């Protein structure tokens, strides 16, 4: 029997962890108390604990590369569904983490390579005409009011009843603006916006 120095309760020796550096051969605190103290330390020093775990895992992998690879393959084979779920969560986190960086880089690339991007778009449309046509049909069938309003504006421009300006009414940039409807029941009442301003308006 031995008294726990933390909870002050006398317990059996098997309730204590062995410790060769202590005279009696066992820790002063029992296993449950040790676990509670460890958990408190983890919560308080979370970043430090995770850094230690990562460093330990790296060193262990370097020292036992072949064994660790074999063990990992066996674990995947025995826990395939769990592994797939873990990969999905990791991919979702990475997507959110680098989403802004990808958007900025993609915008910069399009601005610096306008002709190449347009050529690729033309080639894609030419090679996937049926696919694009089907996608457009599915989209417009979901939003019939939007389709009717857009067609009404395009017909009015062709017939000369409406004149498309050469700049955005919001940011005043020179472009071929798009007609934005605040109410699809009034198809000829539009605000002329560039693509960026139009997307922002629909994103609100």
N, C-alpha and C. Protein backbone atom coordinates (compact mmCIF):
# COMPACT_ATOMS: atom_id res chain seq x y z
N UNK A 1 0.85 -1.21 0.00
CA UNK A 1 0.00 0.00 0.00
C UNK A 1 0.87 1.24 0.00
N UNK A 2 0.33 2.33 -0.58
CA UNK A 2 1.11 3.56 -0.67
C UNK A 2 0.15 4.75 -0.73
N UNK A 3 0.52 5.87 -0.08
CA UNK A 3 -0.28 7.09 -0.11
C UNK A 3 0.07 7.91 -1.35
N UNK A 4 -0.96 8.40 -2.04
CA UNK A 4 -0.75 9.30 -3.18
C UNK A 4 -0.50 10.70 -2.65
N UNK A 5 0.55 11.36 -3.14
CA UNK A 5 0.91 12.70 -2.65
C UNK A 5 -0.03 13.79 -3.17
N UNK A 6 -0.86 13.45 -4.14
CA UNK A 6 -1.77 14.44 -4.72
C UNK A 6 -3.18 14.33 -4.13
N UNK A 7 -3.79 13.15 -4.23
CA UNK A 7 -5.15 12.98 -3.73
C UNK A 7 -5.20 12.53 -2.26
N UNK A 8 -4.04 12.22 -1.67
CA UNK A 8 -3.92 11.85 -0.25
C UNK A 8 -4.75 10.61 0.10
N UNK A 9 -4.79 9.63 -0.82
CA UNK A 9 -5.54 8.40 -0.58
C UNK A 9 -4.57 7.22 -0.64
N UNK A 10 -4.76 6.27 0.28
CA UNK A 10 -3.90 5.08 0.28
C UNK A 10 -4.41 4.09 -0.77
N UNK A 11 -3.52 3.68 -1.66
CA UNK A 11 -3.91 2.78 -2.76
C UNK A 11 -2.91 1.64 -2.90
N UNK A 12 -3.31 0.63 -3.71
CA UNK A 12 -2.43 -0.50 -4.01
C UNK A 12 -1.26 -0.03 -4.87
N UNK A 13 -0.16 -0.77 -4.85
CA UNK A 13 1.04 -0.39 -5.61
C UNK A 13 0.82 -0.43 -7.13
N UNK A 14 -0.12 -1.31 -7.57
CA UNK A 14 -0.37 -1.36 -9.01
C UNK A 14 -1.09 -0.11 -9.54
N UNK A 15 -1.52 0.78 -8.62
CA UNK A 15 -2.14 2.05 -9.01
C UNK A 15 -1.08 3.14 -9.27
N UNK A 16 0.19 2.80 -9.07
CA UNK A 16 1.28 3.75 -9.25
C UNK A 16 2.21 3.27 -10.37
N UNK A 17 2.79 4.23 -11.09
CA UNK A 17 3.75 3.88 -12.12
C UNK A 17 5.12 3.64 -11.50
N UNK A 18 5.87 2.70 -12.10
CA UNK A 18 7.20 2.39 -11.59
C UNK A 18 8.16 3.52 -11.95
N UNK A 19 9.08 3.83 -11.02
CA UNK A 19 10.07 4.87 -11.24
C UNK A 19 11.35 4.48 -10.50
N UNK A 20 12.37 4.10 -11.27
CA UNK A 20 13.60 3.59 -10.65
C UNK A 20 14.40 4.68 -9.94
N UNK A 21 14.09 5.94 -10.20
CA UNK A 21 14.83 7.04 -9.59
C UNK A 21 14.31 7.39 -8.19
N UNK A 22 13.21 6.81 -7.80
CA UNK A 22 12.66 7.03 -6.46
C UNK A 22 12.97 5.82 -5.58
N UNK A 23 13.22 6.07 -4.32
CA UNK A 23 13.71 5.03 -3.40
C UNK A 23 12.76 3.83 -3.32
N UNK A 24 11.46 4.10 -3.21
CA UNK A 24 10.50 3.01 -3.07
C UNK A 24 10.21 2.31 -4.40
N UNK A 25 10.64 2.90 -5.53
CA UNK A 25 10.46 2.29 -6.84
C UNK A 25 9.19 2.68 -7.56
N UNK A 26 8.38 3.62 -6.98
CA UNK A 26 7.12 4.04 -7.59
C UNK A 26 6.98 5.57 -7.50
N UNK A 27 6.19 6.13 -8.42
CA UNK A 27 5.92 7.56 -8.40
C UNK A 27 5.17 7.94 -7.13
N UNK A 28 5.30 9.24 -6.75
CA UNK A 28 4.58 9.72 -5.57
C UNK A 28 3.10 9.86 -5.82
N UNK A 29 2.70 10.23 -7.06
CA UNK A 29 1.29 10.41 -7.41
C UNK A 29 0.78 9.16 -8.13
N UNK A 30 -0.48 8.82 -7.92
CA UNK A 30 -1.07 7.64 -8.56
C UNK A 30 -1.31 7.90 -10.05
N UNK A 31 -1.66 6.88 -10.78
CA UNK A 31 -1.85 6.99 -12.23
C UNK A 31 -2.95 7.99 -12.63
N UNK A 32 -4.15 7.95 -11.99
CA UNK A 32 -5.19 8.94 -12.35
C UNK A 32 -4.74 10.38 -12.11
N UNK A 33 -4.06 10.64 -10.99
CA UNK A 33 -3.59 11.99 -10.68
C UNK A 33 -2.53 12.43 -11.69
N UNK A 34 -1.63 11.50 -12.06
CA UNK A 34 -0.60 11.80 -13.06
C UNK A 34 -1.24 12.17 -14.40
N UNK A 35 -2.29 11.43 -14.76
CA UNK A 35 -2.98 11.69 -16.03
C UNK A 35 -3.64 13.06 -16.02
N UNK A 36 -4.23 13.42 -14.88
CA UNK A 36 -4.88 14.75 -14.76
C UNK A 36 -3.84 15.86 -14.87
N UNK A 37 -2.69 15.70 -14.18
CA UNK A 37 -1.62 16.70 -14.24
C UNK A 37 -1.08 16.83 -15.67
N UNK A 38 -0.91 15.69 -16.34
CA UNK A 38 -0.41 15.71 -17.72
C UNK A 38 -1.38 16.43 -18.65
N UNK A 39 -2.69 16.16 -18.46
CA UNK A 39 -3.71 16.81 -19.29
C UNK A 39 -3.71 18.32 -19.07
N UNK A 40 -3.59 18.74 -17.80
CA UNK A 40 -3.53 20.17 -17.50
C UNK A 40 -2.33 20.82 -18.17
N UNK A 41 -1.19 20.13 -18.12
CA UNK A 41 0.02 20.68 -18.74
C UNK A 41 -0.14 20.78 -20.26
N UNK A 42 -0.77 19.76 -20.86
CA UNK A 42 -1.01 19.78 -22.30
C UNK A 42 -1.89 20.96 -22.70
N UNK A 43 -2.98 21.16 -21.92
CA UNK A 43 -3.90 22.26 -22.23
C UNK A 43 -3.21 23.62 -22.08
N UNK A 44 -2.37 23.74 -21.07
CA UNK A 44 -1.70 25.01 -20.79
C UNK A 44 -0.58 25.28 -21.78
N UNK A 45 0.14 24.24 -22.18
CA UNK A 45 1.29 24.40 -23.08
C UNK A 45 1.05 23.62 -24.38
N UNK A 46 -0.09 23.90 -25.00
CA UNK A 46 -0.53 23.13 -26.17
C UNK A 46 0.48 23.18 -27.31
N UNK A 47 0.93 24.38 -27.68
CA UNK A 47 1.86 24.53 -28.80
C UNK A 47 3.19 23.82 -28.52
N UNK A 48 3.69 23.98 -27.30
CA UNK A 48 4.95 23.34 -26.93
C UNK A 48 4.82 21.82 -26.99
N UNK A 49 3.67 21.30 -26.49
CA UNK A 49 3.45 19.85 -26.50
C UNK A 49 3.38 19.31 -27.93
N UNK A 50 2.67 20.02 -28.82
CA UNK A 50 2.56 19.58 -30.21
C UNK A 50 3.90 19.62 -30.92
N UNK A 51 4.71 20.65 -30.61
CA UNK A 51 6.05 20.75 -31.21
C UNK A 51 6.92 19.57 -30.77
N UNK A 52 6.83 19.21 -29.49
CA UNK A 52 7.58 18.05 -28.98
C UNK A 52 7.14 16.77 -29.67
N UNK A 53 5.82 16.59 -29.85
CA UNK A 53 5.30 15.40 -30.50
C UNK A 53 5.76 15.30 -31.96
N UNK A 54 5.74 16.45 -32.65
CA UNK A 54 6.20 16.45 -34.05
C UNK A 54 7.68 16.12 -34.15
N UNK A 55 8.48 16.70 -33.26
CA UNK A 55 9.92 16.45 -33.26
C UNK A 55 10.20 14.98 -32.94
N UNK A 56 9.46 14.43 -31.99
CA UNK A 56 9.64 13.02 -31.62
C UNK A 56 9.28 12.10 -32.80
N UNK A 57 8.19 12.42 -33.48
CA UNK A 57 7.74 11.60 -34.62
C UNK A 57 8.76 11.65 -35.76
N UNK A 58 9.33 12.84 -36.02
CA UNK A 58 10.34 12.97 -37.08
C UNK A 58 11.58 12.13 -36.77
N UNK A 59 12.07 12.24 -35.54
CA UNK A 59 13.26 11.48 -35.15
C UNK A 59 13.02 9.97 -35.19
N UNK A 60 11.83 9.57 -34.75
CA UNK A 60 11.50 8.14 -34.76
C UNK A 60 11.43 7.62 -36.19
N UNK A 61 10.88 8.43 -37.11
CA UNK A 61 10.76 8.01 -38.51
C UNK A 61 12.14 7.90 -39.17
N UNK A 62 13.02 8.86 -38.85
CA UNK A 62 14.38 8.82 -39.42
C UNK A 62 15.15 7.58 -38.94
N UNK A 63 15.01 7.26 -37.68
CA UNK A 63 15.75 6.13 -37.11
C UNK A 63 15.19 4.77 -37.55
N UNK A 64 13.87 4.72 -37.83
CA UNK A 64 13.24 3.43 -38.19
C UNK A 64 12.37 3.60 -39.43
N UNK A 65 12.96 4.09 -40.50
CA UNK A 65 12.19 4.44 -41.70
C UNK A 65 11.43 3.25 -42.26
N UNK A 66 12.09 2.16 -42.52
CA UNK A 66 11.47 0.99 -43.13
C UNK A 66 10.38 0.40 -42.23
N UNK A 67 10.68 0.31 -40.93
CA UNK A 67 9.70 -0.25 -39.98
C UNK A 67 8.44 0.63 -39.92
N UNK A 68 8.65 1.97 -39.88
CA UNK A 68 7.52 2.89 -39.79
C UNK A 68 6.67 2.86 -41.06
N UNK A 69 7.32 2.74 -42.22
CA UNK A 69 6.57 2.65 -43.48
C UNK A 69 5.70 1.39 -43.52
N UNK A 70 6.29 0.29 -43.11
CA UNK A 70 5.56 -0.98 -43.08
C UNK A 70 4.39 -0.90 -42.11
N UNK A 71 4.64 -0.33 -40.93
CA UNK A 71 3.58 -0.19 -39.92
C UNK A 71 2.45 0.70 -40.42
N UNK A 72 2.82 1.78 -41.14
CA UNK A 72 1.82 2.70 -41.68
C UNK A 72 0.96 2.02 -42.74
N UNK A 73 1.58 1.24 -43.62
CA UNK A 73 0.83 0.52 -44.66
C UNK A 73 -0.13 -0.49 -44.04
N UNK A 74 0.31 -1.17 -43.02
CA UNK A 74 -0.55 -2.14 -42.33
C UNK A 74 -1.74 -1.44 -41.67
N UNK A 75 -1.48 -0.28 -41.06
CA UNK A 75 -2.57 0.47 -40.41
C UNK A 75 -3.59 0.92 -41.44
N UNK A 76 -3.12 1.40 -42.61
CA UNK A 76 -4.04 1.85 -43.66
C UNK A 76 -4.90 0.68 -44.15
N UNK A 77 -4.26 -0.49 -44.34
CA UNK A 77 -5.00 -1.67 -44.81
C UNK A 77 -6.08 -2.09 -43.81
N UNK A 78 -5.83 -1.92 -42.53
CA UNK A 78 -6.77 -2.34 -41.49
C UNK A 78 -7.78 -1.25 -41.12
N UNK A 79 -7.50 -0.01 -41.53
CA UNK A 79 -8.38 1.12 -41.17
C UNK A 79 -8.62 2.00 -42.39
N UNK A 80 -9.08 1.40 -43.48
CA UNK A 80 -9.20 2.12 -44.74
C UNK A 80 -10.20 3.27 -44.67
N UNK A 81 -11.39 3.02 -44.08
CA UNK A 81 -12.42 4.07 -44.00
C UNK A 81 -11.95 5.23 -43.12
N UNK A 82 -11.32 4.90 -42.01
CA UNK A 82 -10.80 5.93 -41.11
C UNK A 82 -9.73 6.76 -41.82
N UNK A 83 -8.89 6.09 -42.61
CA UNK A 83 -7.83 6.78 -43.36
C UNK A 83 -8.42 7.74 -44.41
N UNK A 84 -9.48 7.30 -45.09
CA UNK A 84 -10.13 8.15 -46.10
C UNK A 84 -10.73 9.40 -45.47
N UNK A 85 -11.39 9.21 -44.31
CA UNK A 85 -11.98 10.36 -43.62
C UNK A 85 -10.91 11.34 -43.17
N UNK A 86 -9.78 10.81 -42.69
CA UNK A 86 -8.67 11.66 -42.27
C UNK A 86 -8.12 12.47 -43.45
N UNK A 87 -8.00 11.82 -44.62
CA UNK A 87 -7.50 12.51 -45.82
C UNK A 87 -8.45 13.62 -46.25
N UNK A 88 -9.76 13.36 -46.16
CA UNK A 88 -10.75 14.36 -46.54
C UNK A 88 -10.68 15.59 -45.64
N UNK A 89 -10.55 15.34 -44.32
CA UNK A 89 -10.45 16.46 -43.36
C UNK A 89 -9.18 17.27 -43.61
N UNK A 90 -8.08 16.58 -43.86
CA UNK A 90 -6.81 17.26 -44.12
C UNK A 90 -6.88 18.10 -45.39
N UNK A 91 -7.51 17.54 -46.44
CA UNK A 91 -7.64 18.26 -47.71
C UNK A 91 -8.52 19.51 -47.54
N UNK A 92 -9.60 19.38 -46.75
CA UNK A 92 -10.49 20.52 -46.52
C UNK A 92 -9.77 21.64 -45.77
N UNK A 93 -8.96 21.26 -44.77
CA UNK A 93 -8.19 22.26 -44.01
C UNK A 93 -7.19 22.98 -44.92
N UNK A 94 -6.48 22.21 -45.75
CA UNK A 94 -5.50 22.80 -46.65
C UNK A 94 -6.16 23.72 -47.66
N UNK A 95 -7.35 23.31 -48.14
CA UNK A 95 -8.08 24.13 -49.12
C UNK A 95 -8.43 25.49 -48.52
N UNK A 96 -8.96 25.48 -47.30
CA UNK A 96 -9.33 26.73 -46.64
C UNK A 96 -8.10 27.58 -46.31
N UNK A 97 -7.01 26.91 -45.93
CA UNK A 97 -5.79 27.62 -45.54
C UNK A 97 -5.17 28.39 -46.70
N UNK A 98 -5.15 27.75 -47.89
CA UNK A 98 -4.48 28.36 -49.04
C UNK A 98 -5.44 28.93 -50.07
N UNK A 99 -6.73 29.03 -49.72
CA UNK A 99 -7.73 29.51 -50.67
C UNK A 99 -7.43 30.94 -51.14
N UNK A 100 -7.14 31.83 -50.19
CA UNK A 100 -6.87 33.23 -50.53
C UNK A 100 -5.62 33.36 -51.39
N UNK A 101 -4.56 32.61 -51.04
CA UNK A 101 -3.32 32.67 -51.82
C UNK A 101 -3.55 32.19 -53.25
N UNK A 102 -4.32 31.11 -53.42
CA UNK A 102 -4.60 30.60 -54.76
C UNK A 102 -5.40 31.61 -55.57
N UNK A 103 -6.36 32.28 -54.93
CA UNK A 103 -7.18 33.27 -55.63
C UNK A 103 -6.33 34.43 -56.14
N UNK A 104 -5.42 34.92 -55.29
CA UNK A 104 -4.55 36.03 -55.67
C UNK A 104 -3.62 35.63 -56.82
N UNK A 105 -3.01 34.43 -56.71
CA UNK A 105 -2.10 33.97 -57.76
C UNK A 105 -2.83 33.75 -59.07
N UNK A 106 -4.05 33.20 -59.00
CA UNK A 106 -4.84 32.96 -60.22
C UNK A 106 -5.20 34.28 -60.90
N UNK A 107 -5.56 35.29 -60.08
CA UNK A 107 -5.90 36.60 -60.63
C UNK A 107 -4.69 37.24 -61.31
N UNK A 108 -3.53 37.15 -60.65
CA UNK A 108 -2.30 37.70 -61.22
C UNK A 108 -1.94 37.01 -62.54
N UNK A 109 -2.11 35.68 -62.56
CA UNK A 109 -1.78 34.92 -63.78
C UNK A 109 -2.69 35.34 -64.93
N UNK A 110 -4.00 35.48 -64.65
CA UNK A 110 -4.94 35.88 -65.71
C UNK A 110 -4.64 37.26 -66.24
N UNK A 111 -4.26 38.19 -65.33
CA UNK A 111 -3.95 39.55 -65.76
C UNK A 111 -2.68 39.62 -66.60
N UNK A 112 -1.69 38.76 -66.29
CA UNK A 112 -0.41 38.77 -67.01
C UNK A 112 -0.42 37.91 -68.27
N UNK A 113 -1.44 37.03 -68.40
CA UNK A 113 -1.49 36.12 -69.54
C UNK A 113 -2.90 36.09 -70.14
N UNK A 114 -3.42 37.26 -70.45
CA UNK A 114 -4.80 37.36 -70.93
C UNK A 114 -5.03 36.59 -72.22
N UNK A 115 -4.13 36.75 -73.19
CA UNK A 115 -4.31 36.10 -74.49
C UNK A 115 -4.25 34.59 -74.38
N UNK A 116 -3.30 34.08 -73.57
CA UNK A 116 -3.19 32.63 -73.40
C UNK A 116 -4.44 32.06 -72.73
N UNK A 117 -4.96 32.78 -71.72
CA UNK A 117 -6.16 32.32 -71.02
C UNK A 117 -7.36 32.30 -71.96
N UNK A 118 -7.51 33.36 -72.78
CA UNK A 118 -8.62 33.42 -73.72
C UNK A 118 -8.53 32.31 -74.77
N UNK A 119 -7.31 32.05 -75.24
CA UNK A 119 -7.11 30.99 -76.23
C UNK A 119 -7.49 29.62 -75.64
N UNK A 120 -7.11 29.38 -74.40
CA UNK A 120 -7.47 28.13 -73.73
C UNK A 120 -8.98 28.01 -73.55
N UNK A 121 -9.62 29.14 -73.22
CA UNK A 121 -11.08 29.13 -73.05
C UNK A 121 -11.78 28.83 -74.37
N UNK A 122 -11.29 29.44 -75.47
CA UNK A 122 -11.88 29.18 -76.79
C UNK A 122 -11.72 27.71 -77.17
N UNK A 123 -10.54 27.16 -76.92
CA UNK A 123 -10.26 25.77 -77.26
C UNK A 123 -11.14 24.82 -76.44
N UNK A 124 -11.31 25.15 -75.14
CA UNK A 124 -12.15 24.31 -74.27
C UNK A 124 -13.60 24.33 -74.75
N UNK A 125 -14.10 25.53 -75.08
CA UNK A 125 -15.49 25.65 -75.56
C UNK A 125 -15.70 24.87 -76.86
N UNK A 126 -14.69 24.91 -77.71
CA UNK A 126 -14.78 24.21 -79.00
C UNK A 126 -14.81 22.69 -78.79
N UNK A 127 -14.01 22.18 -77.85
CA UNK A 127 -13.90 20.73 -77.63
C UNK A 127 -14.98 20.18 -76.70
N UNK A 128 -15.67 21.08 -75.97
CA UNK A 128 -16.68 20.62 -75.00
C UNK A 128 -18.00 21.36 -75.19
N UNK A 129 -18.39 21.53 -76.45
CA UNK A 129 -19.59 22.32 -76.75
C UNK A 129 -20.85 21.70 -76.14
N UNK A 130 -21.01 20.37 -76.32
CA UNK A 130 -22.22 19.69 -75.80
C UNK A 130 -22.29 19.76 -74.28
N UNK A 131 -21.14 19.59 -73.63
CA UNK A 131 -21.08 19.64 -72.17
C UNK A 131 -21.48 21.02 -71.65
N UNK A 132 -20.95 22.07 -72.29
CA UNK A 132 -21.26 23.44 -71.88
C UNK A 132 -22.73 23.76 -72.13
N UNK A 133 -23.24 23.30 -73.29
CA UNK A 133 -24.64 23.54 -73.63
C UNK A 133 -25.56 22.90 -72.60
N UNK A 134 -25.24 21.66 -72.19
CA UNK A 134 -26.04 20.96 -71.20
C UNK A 134 -25.99 21.68 -69.84
N UNK A 135 -24.77 22.15 -69.47
CA UNK A 135 -24.61 22.87 -68.21
C UNK A 135 -25.43 24.16 -68.19
N UNK A 136 -25.39 24.89 -69.30
CA UNK A 136 -26.16 26.14 -69.41
C UNK A 136 -27.66 25.86 -69.31
N UNK A 137 -28.10 24.81 -69.99
CA UNK A 137 -29.53 24.46 -69.97
C UNK A 137 -29.98 24.14 -68.54
N UNK A 138 -29.17 23.35 -67.81
CA UNK A 138 -29.51 22.99 -66.43
C UNK A 138 -29.56 24.22 -65.54
N UNK A 139 -28.59 25.16 -65.76
CA UNK A 139 -28.54 26.37 -64.94
C UNK A 139 -29.77 27.24 -65.18
N UNK A 140 -30.08 27.52 -66.46
CA UNK A 140 -31.20 28.42 -66.75
C UNK A 140 -32.54 27.79 -66.39
N UNK A 141 -32.63 26.46 -66.45
CA UNK A 141 -33.89 25.79 -66.08
C UNK A 141 -34.16 25.93 -64.58
N UNK A 142 -33.10 26.12 -63.79
CA UNK A 142 -33.28 26.33 -62.34
C UNK A 142 -33.70 27.76 -62.03
N UNK A 143 -33.34 28.71 -62.89
CA UNK A 143 -33.63 30.14 -62.65
C UNK A 143 -34.34 30.73 -63.88
N UNK A 144 -35.62 30.35 -64.10
CA UNK A 144 -36.33 30.86 -65.29
C UNK A 144 -36.52 32.37 -65.30
N UNK A 145 -36.76 32.99 -64.12
CA UNK A 145 -36.94 34.46 -64.08
C UNK A 145 -35.67 35.18 -64.52
N UNK A 146 -34.53 34.66 -64.04
CA UNK A 146 -33.25 35.25 -64.41
C UNK A 146 -33.00 35.12 -65.91
N UNK A 147 -33.36 33.96 -66.47
CA UNK A 147 -33.16 33.71 -67.90
C UNK A 147 -34.00 34.68 -68.74
N UNK A 148 -35.27 34.84 -68.36
CA UNK A 148 -36.16 35.73 -69.11
C UNK A 148 -35.66 37.18 -69.05
N UNK A 149 -35.20 37.63 -67.86
CA UNK A 149 -34.71 39.01 -67.71
C UNK A 149 -33.45 39.23 -68.53
N UNK A 150 -32.53 38.26 -68.53
CA UNK A 150 -31.29 38.38 -69.31
C UNK A 150 -31.59 38.43 -70.80
N UNK A 151 -32.50 37.57 -71.27
CA UNK A 151 -32.87 37.57 -72.69
C UNK A 151 -33.53 38.89 -73.09
N UNK A 152 -34.35 39.42 -72.19
CA UNK A 152 -35.03 40.69 -72.48
C UNK A 152 -34.02 41.81 -72.67
N UNK A 153 -32.98 41.87 -71.82
CA UNK A 153 -31.95 42.90 -71.94
C UNK A 153 -31.16 42.73 -73.24
N UNK A 154 -30.77 41.50 -73.56
CA UNK A 154 -30.01 41.25 -74.79
C UNK A 154 -30.82 41.63 -76.03
N UNK A 155 -32.11 41.28 -76.05
CA UNK A 155 -32.97 41.63 -77.19
C UNK A 155 -33.14 43.14 -77.31
N UNK A 156 -33.26 43.81 -76.16
CA UNK A 156 -33.42 45.28 -76.18
C UNK A 156 -32.17 45.95 -76.73
N UNK A 157 -30.99 45.42 -76.41
CA UNK A 157 -29.73 45.99 -76.93
C UNK A 157 -29.65 45.78 -78.45
N UNK A 158 -30.02 44.58 -78.92
CA UNK A 158 -29.97 44.27 -80.36
C UNK A 158 -30.96 45.15 -81.13
N UNK A 159 -32.13 45.36 -80.56
CA UNK A 159 -33.15 46.16 -81.23
C UNK A 159 -32.93 47.66 -81.09
N UNK A 160 -31.95 48.07 -80.29
CA UNK A 160 -31.64 49.49 -80.13
C UNK A 160 -32.47 50.19 -79.09
N UNK A 161 -33.25 49.44 -78.31
CA UNK A 161 -34.07 50.05 -77.26
C UNK A 161 -33.23 50.40 -76.02
N UNK A 162 -32.10 49.72 -75.86
CA UNK A 162 -31.18 50.00 -74.77
C UNK A 162 -29.78 50.16 -75.34
N UNK A 163 -28.99 50.98 -74.70
CA UNK A 163 -27.60 51.18 -75.13
C UNK A 163 -26.68 50.76 -73.98
N UNK A 164 -25.77 49.85 -74.29
CA UNK A 164 -24.81 49.39 -73.28
C UNK A 164 -23.68 50.42 -73.17
N UNK A 165 -23.40 50.97 -71.96
CA UNK A 165 -22.30 51.93 -71.82
C UNK A 165 -20.94 51.24 -71.96
N UNK A 166 -19.88 52.02 -72.01
CA UNK A 166 -18.53 51.44 -72.16
C UNK A 166 -17.74 51.47 -70.86
N UNK A 167 -18.44 51.64 -69.72
CA UNK A 167 -17.75 51.60 -68.43
C UNK A 167 -18.69 51.12 -67.34
N UNK A 168 -18.09 50.66 -66.24
CA UNK A 168 -18.85 50.19 -65.09
C UNK A 168 -19.40 51.39 -64.31
N UNK A 169 -20.65 51.33 -63.92
CA UNK A 169 -21.26 52.44 -63.19
C UNK A 169 -20.80 52.51 -61.74
N UNK A 170 -20.12 51.46 -61.25
CA UNK A 170 -19.66 51.43 -59.87
C UNK A 170 -18.20 51.88 -59.75
N UNK A 171 -17.29 51.16 -60.42
CA UNK A 171 -15.86 51.49 -60.31
C UNK A 171 -15.36 52.36 -61.47
N UNK A 172 -16.24 52.61 -62.46
CA UNK A 172 -15.94 53.50 -63.61
C UNK A 172 -14.80 53.00 -64.50
N UNK A 173 -14.49 51.70 -64.44
CA UNK A 173 -13.47 51.15 -65.31
C UNK A 173 -14.04 50.93 -66.71
N UNK A 174 -13.23 51.16 -67.73
CA UNK A 174 -13.68 50.97 -69.10
C UNK A 174 -13.73 49.48 -69.42
N UNK A 175 -14.90 48.99 -69.83
CA UNK A 175 -15.09 47.56 -70.11
C UNK A 175 -16.40 47.38 -70.86
N UNK A 176 -16.75 46.11 -71.07
CA UNK A 176 -18.06 45.77 -71.62
C UNK A 176 -18.93 45.30 -70.45
N UNK A 177 -19.67 46.20 -69.80
CA UNK A 177 -20.36 45.86 -68.55
C UNK A 177 -21.54 44.91 -68.75
N UNK A 178 -21.94 44.27 -67.66
CA UNK A 178 -23.08 43.37 -67.65
C UNK A 178 -24.24 44.04 -66.93
N UNK A 179 -25.45 43.69 -67.33
CA UNK A 179 -26.64 44.27 -66.71
C UNK A 179 -27.02 43.52 -65.43
N UNK A 180 -27.01 44.21 -64.32
CA UNK A 180 -27.38 43.60 -63.03
C UNK A 180 -28.81 43.97 -62.68
N UNK A 181 -29.64 42.94 -62.40
CA UNK A 181 -31.05 43.15 -62.04
C UNK A 181 -31.21 43.11 -60.52
N UNK A 182 -31.78 44.14 -59.97
CA UNK A 182 -32.15 44.10 -58.56
C UNK A 182 -33.52 43.44 -58.38
N UNK A 183 -34.33 43.46 -59.44
CA UNK A 183 -35.64 42.81 -59.43
C UNK A 183 -35.86 42.20 -60.81
N UNK A 184 -35.93 40.85 -60.87
CA UNK A 184 -36.08 40.17 -62.16
C UNK A 184 -37.46 40.37 -62.77
N UNK A 185 -38.41 40.85 -61.98
CA UNK A 185 -39.74 41.14 -62.52
C UNK A 185 -39.76 42.45 -63.31
N UNK A 186 -38.65 43.23 -63.20
CA UNK A 186 -38.49 44.45 -63.99
C UNK A 186 -37.24 44.28 -64.87
N UNK A 187 -37.37 43.53 -65.97
CA UNK A 187 -36.19 43.09 -66.74
C UNK A 187 -35.38 44.21 -67.38
N UNK A 188 -36.01 45.35 -67.69
CA UNK A 188 -35.29 46.42 -68.38
C UNK A 188 -34.72 47.47 -67.43
N UNK A 189 -34.88 47.25 -66.12
CA UNK A 189 -34.27 48.14 -65.13
C UNK A 189 -32.99 47.48 -64.62
N UNK A 190 -31.85 47.92 -65.16
CA UNK A 190 -30.57 47.27 -64.83
C UNK A 190 -29.53 48.30 -64.40
N UNK A 191 -28.53 47.80 -63.69
CA UNK A 191 -27.35 48.60 -63.33
C UNK A 191 -26.17 47.98 -64.08
N UNK A 192 -25.42 48.79 -64.82
CA UNK A 192 -24.32 48.26 -65.64
C UNK A 192 -23.06 48.14 -64.79
N UNK A 193 -22.61 46.91 -64.62
CA UNK A 193 -21.45 46.61 -63.77
C UNK A 193 -20.44 45.75 -64.51
N UNK A 194 -19.16 45.94 -64.16
CA UNK A 194 -18.12 45.06 -64.70
C UNK A 194 -18.23 43.68 -64.03
N UNK A 195 -17.48 42.71 -64.51
CA UNK A 195 -17.60 41.35 -63.99
C UNK A 195 -17.29 41.29 -62.50
N UNK A 196 -16.22 41.98 -62.06
CA UNK A 196 -15.83 41.96 -60.65
C UNK A 196 -16.92 42.54 -59.76
N UNK A 197 -17.44 43.71 -60.14
CA UNK A 197 -18.48 44.37 -59.34
C UNK A 197 -19.77 43.55 -59.35
N UNK A 198 -20.05 42.92 -60.50
CA UNK A 198 -21.25 42.10 -60.61
C UNK A 198 -21.17 40.90 -59.67
N UNK A 199 -20.01 40.24 -59.65
CA UNK A 199 -19.83 39.09 -58.75
C UNK A 199 -19.92 39.51 -57.28
N UNK A 200 -19.34 40.67 -56.95
CA UNK A 200 -19.42 41.17 -55.57
C UNK A 200 -20.87 41.44 -55.18
N UNK A 201 -21.63 41.99 -56.12
CA UNK A 201 -23.03 42.32 -55.84
C UNK A 201 -23.85 41.06 -55.56
N UNK A 202 -23.56 39.98 -56.32
CA UNK A 202 -24.28 38.73 -56.08
C UNK A 202 -23.74 38.00 -54.86
N UNK A 203 -22.53 38.33 -54.44
CA UNK A 203 -21.94 37.68 -53.26
C UNK A 203 -22.39 38.28 -51.95
N UNK A 204 -23.12 39.38 -51.97
CA UNK A 204 -23.57 40.03 -50.73
C UNK A 204 -24.64 39.19 -50.03
